[in-house]
N, C-alpha and C. Protein backbone atom coordinates (compact mmCIF):
# COMPACT_ATOMS: atom_id res chain seq x y z
N UNK A 1 18.45 40.07 69.33
CA UNK A 1 18.14 39.29 68.18
C UNK A 1 16.70 38.83 68.28
N UNK A 2 16.03 39.00 67.25
CA UNK A 2 14.64 38.63 67.17
C UNK A 2 14.43 37.12 66.97
N UNK A 3 13.57 36.65 67.70
CA UNK A 3 13.26 35.26 67.52
C UNK A 3 12.47 34.93 66.32
N UNK A 4 12.90 33.91 65.69
CA UNK A 4 12.06 33.40 64.46
C UNK A 4 11.29 32.33 64.80
N UNK A 5 10.05 32.48 64.51
CA UNK A 5 9.11 31.35 64.78
C UNK A 5 9.15 30.29 63.71
N UNK A 6 9.10 29.26 64.12
CA UNK A 6 9.13 28.12 63.10
C UNK A 6 7.85 28.21 62.13
N UNK A 7 8.17 28.03 60.94
CA UNK A 7 7.12 28.24 59.87
C UNK A 7 6.32 27.02 59.86
N UNK A 8 4.95 27.28 59.89
CA UNK A 8 4.05 26.20 59.87
C UNK A 8 3.31 26.16 58.43
N UNK A 9 3.22 25.06 58.03
CA UNK A 9 2.38 24.97 56.71
C UNK A 9 1.00 25.75 56.89
N UNK A 10 0.62 26.36 55.85
CA UNK A 10 -0.74 26.95 55.84
C UNK A 10 -1.73 25.91 56.06
N UNK A 11 -2.87 26.05 56.82
CA UNK A 11 -3.78 25.02 57.03
C UNK A 11 -4.54 24.86 55.69
N UNK A 12 -4.82 23.55 55.47
CA UNK A 12 -5.62 23.26 54.21
C UNK A 12 -7.06 23.62 54.37
N UNK A 13 -7.55 24.42 53.39
CA UNK A 13 -8.92 24.89 53.54
C UNK A 13 -9.87 23.79 52.96
N UNK A 14 -10.83 23.59 53.81
CA UNK A 14 -11.84 22.54 53.44
C UNK A 14 -13.15 23.41 53.03
N UNK A 15 -13.62 23.10 51.95
CA UNK A 15 -14.72 23.77 51.47
C UNK A 15 -15.86 22.83 51.21
N UNK A 16 -17.07 23.20 51.44
CA UNK A 16 -18.28 22.33 51.12
C UNK A 16 -18.43 22.24 49.59
N UNK A 17 -17.91 23.15 48.80
CA UNK A 17 -18.10 23.04 47.32
C UNK A 17 -17.14 22.12 46.75
N UNK A 18 -17.51 21.40 45.69
CA UNK A 18 -16.74 20.46 45.03
C UNK A 18 -15.65 21.14 44.22
N UNK A 19 -14.56 20.55 44.09
CA UNK A 19 -13.46 21.19 43.28
C UNK A 19 -13.91 21.32 41.89
N UNK A 20 -13.43 22.29 41.17
CA UNK A 20 -13.65 22.43 39.72
C UNK A 20 -13.05 21.32 39.04
N UNK A 21 -13.73 20.78 38.03
CA UNK A 21 -13.26 19.68 37.34
C UNK A 21 -11.98 20.16 36.49
N UNK A 22 -11.09 19.31 36.22
CA UNK A 22 -9.95 19.70 35.41
C UNK A 22 -10.38 19.91 33.87
N UNK A 23 -9.76 20.78 33.30
CA UNK A 23 -10.14 21.15 31.91
C UNK A 23 -10.07 19.95 31.06
N UNK A 24 -11.05 19.83 30.23
CA UNK A 24 -11.00 18.68 29.29
C UNK A 24 -9.89 18.65 28.34
N UNK A 25 -9.25 17.56 28.20
CA UNK A 25 -8.19 17.52 27.22
C UNK A 25 -8.79 17.10 25.87
N UNK A 26 -8.25 17.72 24.85
CA UNK A 26 -8.74 17.21 23.54
C UNK A 26 -8.45 15.80 23.19
N UNK A 27 -9.47 15.05 22.78
CA UNK A 27 -9.22 13.67 22.46
C UNK A 27 -8.20 13.49 21.31
N UNK A 28 -7.32 12.49 21.47
CA UNK A 28 -6.37 12.27 20.36
C UNK A 28 -7.04 12.08 19.08
N UNK A 29 -6.50 12.58 18.14
CA UNK A 29 -7.16 12.49 16.72
C UNK A 29 -7.17 10.99 16.31
N UNK A 30 -8.34 10.63 16.02
CA UNK A 30 -8.63 9.15 15.65
C UNK A 30 -7.98 9.03 14.11
N UNK A 31 -7.44 7.84 14.00
CA UNK A 31 -6.71 7.52 12.76
C UNK A 31 -7.85 7.15 11.74
N UNK A 32 -7.94 7.83 10.72
CA UNK A 32 -8.97 7.63 9.78
C UNK A 32 -8.27 7.24 8.39
N UNK A 33 -8.61 6.04 7.90
CA UNK A 33 -7.97 5.63 6.60
C UNK A 33 -8.35 6.49 5.44
N UNK A 34 -7.38 7.01 4.78
CA UNK A 34 -7.69 7.99 3.62
C UNK A 34 -8.40 7.18 2.48
N UNK A 35 -9.17 7.89 1.74
CA UNK A 35 -9.98 7.23 0.73
C UNK A 35 -9.25 6.52 -0.31
N UNK A 36 -8.00 7.03 -0.56
CA UNK A 36 -7.16 6.34 -1.66
C UNK A 36 -6.52 5.03 -1.29
N UNK A 37 -6.52 4.72 0.09
CA UNK A 37 -5.83 3.49 0.55
C UNK A 37 -6.52 2.20 -0.01
N UNK A 38 -7.88 2.08 0.17
CA UNK A 38 -8.45 0.92 -0.32
C UNK A 38 -8.32 0.77 -1.85
N UNK A 39 -8.40 1.88 -2.53
CA UNK A 39 -8.26 1.73 -3.98
C UNK A 39 -6.84 1.34 -4.40
N UNK A 40 -5.87 1.89 -3.60
CA UNK A 40 -4.54 1.36 -3.91
C UNK A 40 -4.37 -0.15 -3.64
N UNK A 41 -4.97 -0.59 -2.63
CA UNK A 41 -4.85 -1.97 -2.28
C UNK A 41 -5.59 -2.83 -3.29
N UNK A 42 -6.81 -2.37 -3.89
CA UNK A 42 -7.48 -2.97 -4.95
C UNK A 42 -6.58 -3.09 -6.17
N UNK A 43 -6.07 -1.99 -6.59
CA UNK A 43 -5.12 -2.05 -7.69
C UNK A 43 -3.99 -2.94 -7.46
N UNK A 44 -3.53 -3.03 -6.30
CA UNK A 44 -2.45 -3.98 -6.02
C UNK A 44 -2.92 -5.46 -6.21
N UNK A 45 -4.05 -5.70 -5.80
CA UNK A 45 -4.62 -7.03 -6.03
C UNK A 45 -4.88 -7.26 -7.50
N UNK A 46 -5.27 -6.27 -8.17
CA UNK A 46 -5.45 -6.41 -9.66
C UNK A 46 -4.10 -6.75 -10.46
N UNK A 47 -2.93 -6.09 -9.96
CA UNK A 47 -1.65 -6.41 -10.49
C UNK A 47 -1.44 -7.96 -10.30
N UNK A 48 -1.67 -8.42 -9.04
CA UNK A 48 -1.44 -9.79 -8.64
C UNK A 48 -2.19 -10.68 -9.54
N UNK A 49 -3.51 -10.33 -9.75
CA UNK A 49 -4.28 -11.16 -10.72
C UNK A 49 -3.86 -11.14 -12.11
N UNK A 50 -3.42 -9.98 -12.58
CA UNK A 50 -2.88 -9.90 -14.01
C UNK A 50 -1.59 -10.81 -14.04
N UNK A 51 -0.73 -10.79 -13.05
CA UNK A 51 0.42 -11.53 -13.12
C UNK A 51 0.16 -13.08 -13.12
N UNK A 52 -0.83 -13.40 -12.17
CA UNK A 52 -1.19 -14.76 -12.06
C UNK A 52 -1.87 -15.35 -13.40
N UNK A 53 -2.53 -14.40 -14.14
CA UNK A 53 -3.23 -14.72 -15.43
C UNK A 53 -2.14 -15.00 -16.44
N UNK A 54 -1.22 -14.11 -16.47
CA UNK A 54 -0.03 -14.35 -17.49
C UNK A 54 0.75 -15.61 -17.14
N UNK A 55 0.94 -15.86 -15.91
CA UNK A 55 1.60 -17.16 -15.47
C UNK A 55 0.74 -18.36 -15.87
N UNK A 56 -0.43 -18.26 -15.84
CA UNK A 56 -1.45 -19.27 -16.23
C UNK A 56 -1.40 -19.47 -17.80
N UNK A 57 -1.30 -18.42 -18.46
CA UNK A 57 -1.15 -18.47 -19.88
C UNK A 57 0.13 -19.18 -20.37
N UNK A 58 1.20 -18.93 -19.60
CA UNK A 58 2.41 -19.72 -19.86
C UNK A 58 2.37 -21.14 -19.52
N UNK A 59 1.58 -21.46 -18.41
CA UNK A 59 1.64 -22.80 -17.91
C UNK A 59 0.60 -23.59 -18.74
N UNK A 60 -0.26 -22.95 -19.43
CA UNK A 60 -1.49 -23.71 -20.14
C UNK A 60 -0.76 -24.69 -21.10
N UNK A 61 -1.14 -25.96 -21.00
CA UNK A 61 -0.57 -27.12 -21.76
C UNK A 61 -1.07 -26.93 -23.20
N UNK A 62 -2.29 -26.48 -23.35
CA UNK A 62 -2.87 -26.31 -24.71
C UNK A 62 -2.34 -25.29 -25.56
N UNK A 63 -1.44 -24.48 -24.99
CA UNK A 63 -0.83 -23.46 -25.74
C UNK A 63 0.20 -23.90 -26.74
N UNK A 64 0.73 -25.10 -26.63
CA UNK A 64 1.66 -25.66 -27.46
C UNK A 64 3.01 -25.25 -27.08
N UNK A 65 3.23 -24.62 -25.97
CA UNK A 65 4.60 -24.23 -25.57
C UNK A 65 5.18 -25.04 -24.55
N UNK A 66 5.25 -26.23 -24.76
CA UNK A 66 5.85 -27.27 -23.70
C UNK A 66 7.29 -27.04 -23.44
N UNK A 67 8.02 -26.50 -24.34
CA UNK A 67 9.40 -26.26 -24.28
C UNK A 67 9.79 -25.03 -23.50
N UNK A 68 8.82 -24.19 -23.10
CA UNK A 68 9.05 -22.98 -22.35
C UNK A 68 9.66 -23.33 -21.01
N UNK A 69 10.76 -22.67 -20.60
CA UNK A 69 11.24 -22.92 -19.24
C UNK A 69 10.30 -22.46 -18.14
N UNK A 70 10.45 -22.99 -16.99
CA UNK A 70 9.64 -22.66 -15.86
C UNK A 70 9.84 -21.37 -15.19
N UNK A 71 11.14 -20.79 -15.31
CA UNK A 71 11.48 -19.57 -14.61
C UNK A 71 10.59 -18.42 -14.93
N UNK A 72 10.14 -18.20 -16.15
CA UNK A 72 9.10 -17.01 -16.29
C UNK A 72 7.94 -17.18 -15.49
N UNK A 73 7.42 -18.34 -15.35
CA UNK A 73 6.19 -18.61 -14.56
C UNK A 73 6.55 -18.27 -13.09
N UNK A 74 7.63 -18.77 -12.58
CA UNK A 74 7.90 -18.51 -11.27
C UNK A 74 8.20 -16.94 -10.97
N UNK A 75 8.82 -16.25 -11.98
CA UNK A 75 8.99 -14.84 -11.87
C UNK A 75 7.64 -14.04 -11.84
N UNK A 76 6.70 -14.48 -12.63
CA UNK A 76 5.39 -14.01 -12.56
C UNK A 76 4.62 -14.17 -11.22
N UNK A 77 4.80 -15.36 -10.78
CA UNK A 77 4.15 -15.60 -9.46
C UNK A 77 4.79 -14.82 -8.27
N UNK A 78 6.12 -14.69 -8.33
CA UNK A 78 6.85 -13.86 -7.37
C UNK A 78 6.34 -12.44 -7.43
N UNK A 79 6.20 -11.97 -8.57
CA UNK A 79 5.70 -10.62 -8.78
C UNK A 79 4.31 -10.40 -8.18
N UNK A 80 3.47 -11.46 -8.46
CA UNK A 80 2.07 -11.43 -8.00
C UNK A 80 2.09 -11.44 -6.41
N UNK A 81 2.91 -12.27 -5.82
CA UNK A 81 2.96 -12.29 -4.38
C UNK A 81 3.50 -10.93 -3.88
N UNK A 82 4.47 -10.34 -4.50
CA UNK A 82 5.03 -9.09 -4.11
C UNK A 82 3.99 -8.00 -4.18
N UNK A 83 3.19 -7.96 -5.16
CA UNK A 83 1.97 -6.98 -5.23
C UNK A 83 0.99 -7.31 -4.10
N UNK A 84 0.61 -8.58 -3.85
CA UNK A 84 -0.30 -8.85 -2.89
C UNK A 84 0.24 -8.43 -1.48
N UNK A 85 1.45 -8.69 -1.16
CA UNK A 85 2.15 -8.24 0.07
C UNK A 85 1.99 -6.75 0.23
N UNK A 86 2.31 -5.99 -0.86
CA UNK A 86 2.30 -4.56 -0.87
C UNK A 86 0.91 -4.06 -0.60
N UNK A 87 -0.11 -4.65 -1.23
CA UNK A 87 -1.49 -4.25 -1.09
C UNK A 87 -1.96 -4.51 0.32
N UNK A 88 -1.47 -5.61 1.00
CA UNK A 88 -1.95 -5.86 2.37
C UNK A 88 -1.16 -4.85 3.30
N UNK A 89 0.07 -4.59 3.03
CA UNK A 89 0.69 -3.58 3.86
C UNK A 89 0.20 -2.18 3.79
N UNK A 90 -0.26 -1.75 2.73
CA UNK A 90 -0.83 -0.54 2.51
C UNK A 90 -2.25 -0.49 3.15
N UNK A 91 -2.95 -1.51 2.92
CA UNK A 91 -4.29 -1.54 3.54
C UNK A 91 -4.32 -1.49 5.05
N UNK A 92 -3.35 -2.19 5.61
CA UNK A 92 -3.22 -2.33 7.05
C UNK A 92 -2.38 -1.05 7.67
N UNK A 93 -1.80 -0.22 6.80
CA UNK A 93 -1.06 0.90 7.30
C UNK A 93 0.22 0.67 7.86
N UNK A 94 0.90 -0.40 7.45
CA UNK A 94 2.22 -0.79 7.97
C UNK A 94 3.31 0.00 7.33
N UNK A 95 4.31 0.17 8.09
CA UNK A 95 5.47 1.11 7.67
C UNK A 95 6.05 0.77 6.30
N UNK A 96 6.12 1.69 5.47
CA UNK A 96 6.75 1.57 4.11
C UNK A 96 6.06 0.70 3.22
N UNK A 97 4.78 0.43 3.46
CA UNK A 97 3.98 -0.48 2.64
C UNK A 97 3.72 0.17 1.21
N UNK A 98 3.80 1.51 1.21
CA UNK A 98 3.59 2.14 -0.10
C UNK A 98 4.80 1.86 -0.96
N UNK A 99 6.00 1.76 -0.36
CA UNK A 99 7.17 1.41 -1.20
C UNK A 99 7.13 -0.02 -1.79
N UNK A 100 6.64 -0.92 -1.01
CA UNK A 100 6.57 -2.28 -1.43
C UNK A 100 5.48 -2.35 -2.57
N UNK A 101 4.46 -1.67 -2.41
CA UNK A 101 3.40 -1.80 -3.42
C UNK A 101 3.91 -1.08 -4.71
N UNK A 102 4.51 0.13 -4.66
CA UNK A 102 5.12 0.76 -5.77
C UNK A 102 6.11 0.02 -6.46
N UNK A 103 7.10 -0.57 -5.70
CA UNK A 103 8.03 -1.47 -6.40
C UNK A 103 7.46 -2.65 -7.01
N UNK A 104 6.42 -3.26 -6.35
CA UNK A 104 5.75 -4.31 -6.86
C UNK A 104 4.90 -3.93 -8.11
N UNK A 105 4.74 -2.77 -8.46
CA UNK A 105 3.99 -2.28 -9.70
C UNK A 105 4.85 -1.94 -10.66
N UNK A 106 6.07 -1.48 -10.40
CA UNK A 106 6.89 -0.90 -11.50
C UNK A 106 7.42 -2.13 -12.37
N UNK A 107 7.83 -3.18 -11.76
CA UNK A 107 8.40 -4.27 -12.58
C UNK A 107 7.35 -4.90 -13.48
N UNK A 108 6.08 -5.10 -13.09
CA UNK A 108 5.07 -5.62 -13.99
C UNK A 108 4.74 -4.54 -15.11
N UNK A 109 4.79 -3.33 -14.75
CA UNK A 109 4.55 -2.17 -15.72
C UNK A 109 5.55 -2.35 -16.74
N UNK A 110 6.89 -2.39 -16.35
CA UNK A 110 7.99 -2.39 -17.28
C UNK A 110 7.85 -3.61 -18.17
N UNK A 111 7.50 -4.72 -17.54
CA UNK A 111 7.31 -5.93 -18.36
C UNK A 111 6.17 -5.97 -19.34
N UNK A 112 5.10 -5.37 -19.02
CA UNK A 112 3.92 -5.21 -19.89
C UNK A 112 4.27 -4.18 -20.99
N UNK A 113 4.88 -3.09 -20.69
CA UNK A 113 5.38 -2.17 -21.68
C UNK A 113 6.23 -2.87 -22.78
N UNK A 114 7.21 -3.68 -22.35
CA UNK A 114 8.06 -4.32 -23.18
C UNK A 114 7.34 -5.34 -24.09
N UNK A 115 6.26 -6.06 -23.47
CA UNK A 115 5.44 -6.94 -24.36
C UNK A 115 4.70 -6.12 -25.34
N UNK A 116 4.12 -4.96 -24.90
CA UNK A 116 3.32 -4.21 -25.75
C UNK A 116 4.23 -3.68 -26.95
N UNK A 117 5.50 -3.29 -26.67
CA UNK A 117 6.25 -2.86 -27.80
C UNK A 117 6.75 -3.98 -28.67
N UNK A 118 6.97 -5.14 -28.20
CA UNK A 118 7.26 -6.29 -28.95
C UNK A 118 6.05 -6.70 -29.83
N UNK A 119 4.83 -6.78 -29.27
CA UNK A 119 3.68 -7.08 -30.07
C UNK A 119 3.37 -6.04 -31.14
N UNK A 120 3.61 -4.73 -30.78
CA UNK A 120 3.35 -3.69 -31.70
C UNK A 120 4.36 -3.74 -32.86
N UNK A 121 5.63 -4.05 -32.59
CA UNK A 121 6.63 -4.02 -33.64
C UNK A 121 6.42 -5.26 -34.57
N UNK A 122 5.75 -6.31 -33.97
CA UNK A 122 5.62 -7.53 -34.77
C UNK A 122 4.11 -7.45 -35.45
N UNK A 123 3.45 -6.49 -35.31
CA UNK A 123 2.22 -6.21 -35.96
C UNK A 123 1.02 -7.10 -35.45
N UNK A 124 1.12 -7.26 -34.09
CA UNK A 124 -0.01 -8.13 -33.50
C UNK A 124 -1.13 -7.30 -32.99
N UNK A 125 -1.85 -6.69 -33.81
CA UNK A 125 -2.91 -5.75 -33.63
C UNK A 125 -3.73 -5.97 -32.33
N UNK A 126 -4.53 -6.99 -32.21
CA UNK A 126 -5.41 -7.10 -31.01
C UNK A 126 -4.52 -7.54 -29.71
N UNK A 127 -3.52 -8.31 -29.90
CA UNK A 127 -2.65 -8.62 -28.91
C UNK A 127 -1.90 -7.41 -28.30
N UNK A 128 -1.61 -6.43 -29.10
CA UNK A 128 -0.96 -5.18 -28.62
C UNK A 128 -1.95 -4.47 -27.75
N UNK A 129 -3.25 -4.37 -28.08
CA UNK A 129 -4.21 -3.67 -27.31
C UNK A 129 -4.52 -4.46 -26.06
N UNK A 130 -4.51 -5.63 -26.07
CA UNK A 130 -4.66 -6.42 -24.82
C UNK A 130 -3.51 -6.10 -23.82
N UNK A 131 -2.33 -6.12 -24.37
CA UNK A 131 -1.26 -5.75 -23.48
C UNK A 131 -1.15 -4.35 -22.93
N UNK A 132 -1.75 -3.41 -23.77
CA UNK A 132 -1.99 -2.07 -23.28
C UNK A 132 -2.99 -2.05 -22.18
N UNK A 133 -4.05 -2.89 -22.42
CA UNK A 133 -5.10 -2.89 -21.37
C UNK A 133 -4.63 -3.43 -20.02
N UNK A 134 -3.74 -4.45 -20.14
CA UNK A 134 -3.11 -4.98 -18.93
C UNK A 134 -2.33 -4.09 -18.08
N UNK A 135 -1.91 -3.07 -18.72
CA UNK A 135 -1.08 -1.98 -17.97
C UNK A 135 -1.89 -0.96 -17.00
N UNK A 136 -3.17 -1.18 -17.13
CA UNK A 136 -4.03 -0.36 -16.20
C UNK A 136 -3.82 -0.68 -14.80
N UNK A 137 -3.55 -2.02 -14.41
CA UNK A 137 -3.41 -2.30 -13.03
C UNK A 137 -2.08 -1.66 -12.50
N UNK A 138 -1.01 -2.02 -13.07
CA UNK A 138 0.19 -1.53 -12.54
C UNK A 138 0.30 0.03 -12.56
N UNK A 139 -0.24 0.67 -13.50
CA UNK A 139 -0.31 2.07 -13.54
C UNK A 139 -1.11 2.67 -12.46
N UNK A 140 -2.32 2.18 -12.24
CA UNK A 140 -3.22 2.58 -11.16
C UNK A 140 -2.64 2.23 -9.76
N UNK A 141 -1.93 1.25 -9.64
CA UNK A 141 -1.35 0.93 -8.31
C UNK A 141 -0.21 1.71 -8.11
N UNK A 142 0.60 2.04 -9.08
CA UNK A 142 1.74 2.99 -8.89
C UNK A 142 1.36 4.36 -8.60
N UNK A 143 0.35 4.87 -9.29
CA UNK A 143 -0.11 6.23 -9.05
C UNK A 143 -0.62 6.39 -7.70
N UNK A 144 -1.47 5.42 -7.34
CA UNK A 144 -2.20 5.59 -5.97
C UNK A 144 -1.22 5.31 -4.78
N UNK A 145 -0.23 4.39 -5.01
CA UNK A 145 0.70 4.06 -3.93
C UNK A 145 1.53 5.30 -3.59
N UNK A 146 1.88 6.12 -4.57
CA UNK A 146 2.82 7.28 -4.45
C UNK A 146 2.06 8.50 -4.01
N UNK A 147 0.79 8.55 -3.78
CA UNK A 147 0.10 9.75 -3.39
C UNK A 147 0.28 10.03 -1.92
N UNK A 148 0.27 11.33 -1.59
CA UNK A 148 0.67 11.75 -0.18
C UNK A 148 -0.13 11.12 0.86
N UNK A 149 -1.56 10.92 0.79
CA UNK A 149 -2.29 10.46 1.85
C UNK A 149 -1.91 8.84 2.03
N UNK A 150 -1.60 8.18 1.07
CA UNK A 150 -1.14 6.81 1.15
C UNK A 150 0.19 6.77 1.79
N UNK A 151 1.16 7.55 1.45
CA UNK A 151 2.48 7.55 2.00
C UNK A 151 2.33 7.95 3.55
N UNK A 152 1.43 8.90 3.87
CA UNK A 152 1.38 9.30 5.32
C UNK A 152 0.74 8.20 6.01
N UNK A 153 -0.22 7.52 5.44
CA UNK A 153 -0.95 6.44 6.09
C UNK A 153 0.02 5.33 6.52
N UNK A 154 0.98 5.08 5.61
CA UNK A 154 1.84 3.90 5.86
C UNK A 154 3.15 4.38 6.64
N UNK A 155 3.35 5.55 6.99
CA UNK A 155 4.52 5.97 7.73
C UNK A 155 4.09 6.61 9.15
N UNK A 156 2.88 6.24 9.50
CA UNK A 156 2.47 6.90 10.85
C UNK A 156 3.04 6.21 11.91
């Protein structure tokens, strides 16, 4: 029977040369805010300003509508806060912020379109055009919030 010699680990080779540096790893891709995000946030703030303006018009004592209940004012202020929260979430890139902003733009848009139809059917010429002009904020906010770069920014 042949004798087996115990295996010794191979000696560690010491070299005067420095070891090769490890290959450089690619840096993680820096998160860059898409161009549409600030514009979506600005349109969200515009929606909030428009809703606040409409609430102020209802609240104005000089308008002669003292008998108007307070719930429409509260609803407009809630819509304004909703749009502001959505704009902040989108700008900061928080999860599902685009949904909050889009939903906060749809309800004001539907309300303004209803007011536009009402004024148009009553023959309120310039008031109809002012109501149409006020739809710019919700339409812009809704269109920008639903774009792919904004959705990806808020779902990262």
